[in-house]
């Protein structure tokens, strides 16, 4: 876990991770579980949220593989995917804890600002991972990370629309 904190703080790079299928699987599972917890209320239950989180993970994996293939760097997939899913799980957990804490302290009014800050930083951290994997500038890695996020949101929301107050 310490490695992922250092990655988020831009002190480590994805190539510092071992190329381990077990670690990749662990990070994918962590990412899906955290995503499920975070989306359950908005999607109408754990089963739908789990399916949406699984679909999102597949989208991110496919986008990453495609980007690495275009760059001629598919050998970096395992370490880069491990880093992306680990960072995603860490930020998802941090976001869940921030939301719970804001509710417990009855300071829900500041929660959107905390979420916005976390969303900005997660894209910096993901951009940091992608810049190393794709050998590009940080700003370009951030742009790719934002692109991945937009594609993921659009596709996931098209199959798993969030509940609205009048939809139940």
Protein backbone atom coordinates (compact mmCIF):
# COMPACT_ATOMS: atom_id res chain seq x y z
CA UNK A 1 0.00 0.00 0.00
CA UNK A 2 2.88 2.36 0.73
CA UNK A 3 4.04 2.05 -2.88
CA UNK A 4 0.68 3.33 -4.15
CA UNK A 5 0.81 6.31 -1.77
CA UNK A 6 4.25 7.12 -3.17
CA UNK A 7 2.90 6.70 -6.69
CA UNK A 8 0.03 9.08 -5.91
CA UNK A 9 2.56 11.60 -4.55
CA UNK A 10 4.49 11.26 -7.86
CA UNK A 11 7.55 9.84 -6.04
CA UNK A 12 7.46 6.43 -7.74
CA UNK A 13 6.77 5.21 -11.25
CA UNK A 14 4.78 2.20 -12.48
CA UNK A 15 7.94 0.50 -13.72
CA UNK A 16 9.02 0.24 -10.05
CA UNK A 17 6.23 -2.31 -9.50
CA UNK A 18 6.92 -5.98 -10.02
CA UNK A 19 5.33 -7.45 -13.14
CA UNK A 20 3.02 -9.70 -11.14
CA UNK A 21 -0.26 -11.21 -12.31
CA UNK A 22 -1.24 -11.77 -8.68
CA UNK A 23 -0.68 -8.10 -7.77
CA UNK A 24 -2.56 -6.96 -10.88
CA UNK A 25 -5.48 -9.23 -9.99
CA UNK A 26 -5.46 -7.94 -6.40
CA UNK A 27 -5.57 -4.32 -7.60
CA UNK A 28 -8.34 -5.04 -10.12
CA UNK A 29 -10.39 -6.72 -7.38
CA UNK A 30 -9.72 -3.85 -4.95
CA UNK A 31 -10.72 -1.32 -7.62
CA UNK A 32 -13.93 -3.18 -8.43
CA UNK A 33 -14.89 -3.61 -4.77
CA UNK A 34 -14.26 0.05 -3.93
CA UNK A 35 -16.13 1.10 -7.08
CA UNK A 36 -19.03 -1.13 -6.11
CA UNK A 37 -19.23 0.41 -2.64
CA UNK A 38 -19.07 3.90 -4.08
CA UNK A 39 -21.72 3.36 -6.75
CA UNK A 40 -24.24 1.14 -4.95
CA UNK A 41 -26.47 3.97 -3.73
CA UNK A 42 -26.52 5.76 -7.09
CA UNK A 43 -27.15 2.64 -9.15
CA UNK A 44 -29.84 1.04 -7.02
CA UNK A 45 -27.93 -1.72 -5.30
CA UNK A 46 -24.78 -3.73 -4.94
CA UNK A 47 -25.42 -6.12 -7.84
CA UNK A 48 -25.85 -3.38 -10.43
CA UNK A 49 -22.92 -1.42 -8.96
CA UNK A 50 -20.73 -4.52 -9.12
CA UNK A 51 -21.63 -5.08 -12.78
CA UNK A 52 -20.96 -1.41 -13.55
CA UNK A 53 -17.60 -1.52 -11.73
CA UNK A 54 -16.63 -4.69 -13.56
CA UNK A 55 -17.57 -3.09 -16.88
CA UNK A 56 -15.60 0.05 -15.97
CA UNK A 57 -12.51 -2.03 -15.15
CA UNK A 58 -12.79 -3.79 -18.51
CA UNK A 59 -13.08 -0.44 -20.29
CA UNK A 60 -10.02 0.97 -18.54
CA UNK A 61 -8.04 -2.20 -19.26
CA UNK A 62 -9.02 -2.08 -22.94
CA UNK A 63 -8.24 1.63 -23.28
CA UNK A 64 -4.88 1.15 -21.61
CA UNK A 65 -3.98 -1.81 -23.80
CA UNK A 66 -5.02 0.14 -26.89
CA UNK A 67 -2.93 3.17 -25.91
CA UNK A 68 0.10 0.99 -25.13
CA UNK A 69 -0.34 -0.89 -28.41
CA UNK A 70 -0.48 2.36 -30.37
CA UNK A 71 2.70 3.48 -28.62
CA UNK A 72 4.38 0.10 -29.23
CA UNK A 73 4.73 -0.54 -25.51
CA UNK A 74 2.41 -3.46 -24.74
CA UNK A 75 5.12 -5.09 -22.62
CA UNK A 76 4.33 -2.40 -20.01
CA UNK A 77 0.70 -3.40 -19.67
CA UNK A 78 0.89 -5.45 -16.46
CA UNK A 79 2.80 -2.88 -14.40
CA UNK A 80 0.86 0.06 -15.80
CA UNK A 81 -2.52 -1.61 -15.28
CA UNK A 82 -1.51 -2.57 -11.74
CA UNK A 83 -0.58 1.06 -11.07
CA UNK A 84 -3.78 2.46 -12.61
CA UNK A 85 -6.07 0.09 -10.74
CA UNK A 86 -4.14 0.55 -7.50
CA UNK A 87 -4.33 4.33 -7.75
CA UNK A 88 -8.02 4.08 -8.62
CA UNK A 89 -8.72 1.87 -5.61
CA UNK A 90 -6.76 4.14 -3.29
CA UNK A 91 -8.54 7.28 -4.48
CA UNK A 92 -11.92 5.55 -4.44
CA UNK A 93 -11.37 4.51 -0.85
CA UNK A 94 -10.17 7.99 0.06
CA UNK A 95 -13.26 9.49 -1.55
CA UNK A 96 -15.56 7.11 0.31
CA UNK A 97 -13.88 7.94 3.61
CA UNK A 98 -14.08 11.68 2.89
CA UNK A 99 -17.79 11.41 2.17
CA UNK A 100 -18.45 9.35 5.31
CA UNK A 101 -16.43 11.76 7.42
CA UNK A 102 -18.22 14.81 6.02
CA UNK A 103 -21.55 13.19 6.84
CA UNK A 104 -20.45 12.15 10.33
CA UNK A 105 -19.17 15.66 11.07
CA UNK A 106 -22.25 17.22 9.45
CA UNK A 107 -20.15 19.25 7.03
CA UNK A 108 -21.70 17.92 3.84
CA UNK A 109 -21.53 21.40 2.30
CA UNK A 110 -17.76 21.11 1.85
CA UNK A 111 -17.88 17.56 0.47
CA UNK A 112 -18.21 18.66 -3.19
CA UNK A 113 -15.03 20.71 -2.86
CA UNK A 114 -13.17 17.78 -1.34
CA UNK A 115 -14.44 15.51 -4.11
CA UNK A 116 -13.41 18.04 -6.75
CA UNK A 117 -9.92 18.24 -5.26
CA UNK A 118 -9.61 14.47 -5.12
CA UNK A 119 -10.84 14.15 -8.72
CA UNK A 120 -8.24 16.66 -9.86
CA UNK A 121 -5.45 14.91 -8.01
CA UNK A 122 -6.41 11.41 -9.15
CA UNK A 123 -6.04 12.61 -12.72
CA UNK A 124 -2.61 14.02 -11.93
CA UNK A 125 -1.63 10.68 -10.38
CA UNK A 126 -3.06 8.68 -13.28
CA UNK A 127 -1.39 11.07 -15.71
CA UNK A 128 1.89 10.45 -13.90
CA UNK A 129 1.47 6.70 -14.44
CA UNK A 130 0.55 7.14 -18.09
CA UNK A 131 3.39 9.55 -18.81
CA UNK A 132 5.87 6.90 -17.71
CA UNK A 133 4.15 4.11 -19.61
CA UNK A 134 3.67 6.09 -22.81
CA UNK A 135 6.81 8.23 -22.54
CA UNK A 136 5.12 11.60 -22.72
CA UNK A 137 4.94 14.84 -20.75
CA UNK A 138 2.87 14.93 -17.56
CA UNK A 139 0.26 17.25 -19.08
CA UNK A 140 -0.24 14.77 -21.95
CA UNK A 141 -0.56 11.88 -19.50
CA UNK A 142 -3.18 13.86 -17.57
CA UNK A 143 -5.05 14.52 -20.84
CA UNK A 144 -5.02 10.79 -21.64
CA UNK A 145 -6.24 10.01 -18.09
CA UNK A 146 -9.08 12.50 -18.45
CA UNK A 147 -9.93 10.95 -21.82
CA UNK A 148 -10.03 7.48 -20.26
CA UNK A 149 -12.33 8.84 -17.54
CA UNK A 150 -14.70 10.50 -20.01
CA UNK A 151 -14.95 7.39 -22.19
CA UNK A 152 -15.48 5.23 -19.11
CA UNK A 153 -18.20 7.49 -17.70
CA UNK A 154 -20.03 7.73 -21.01
CA UNK A 155 -19.97 3.97 -21.63
CA UNK A 156 -20.80 2.95 -18.05
CA UNK A 157 -23.62 5.50 -17.79
CA UNK A 158 -25.07 4.35 -21.10
CA UNK A 159 -25.53 0.82 -19.73
CA UNK A 160 -25.92 1.59 -16.02
CA UNK A 161 -27.73 4.93 -15.66
CA UNK A 162 -27.68 6.50 -12.22
CA UNK A 163 -30.92 6.69 -10.31
CA UNK A 164 -32.63 10.04 -10.27
CA UNK A 165 -34.75 11.19 -7.30
CA UNK A 166 -37.97 10.36 -9.19
CA UNK A 167 -36.75 7.00 -10.58
CA UNK A 168 -36.78 5.18 -7.35
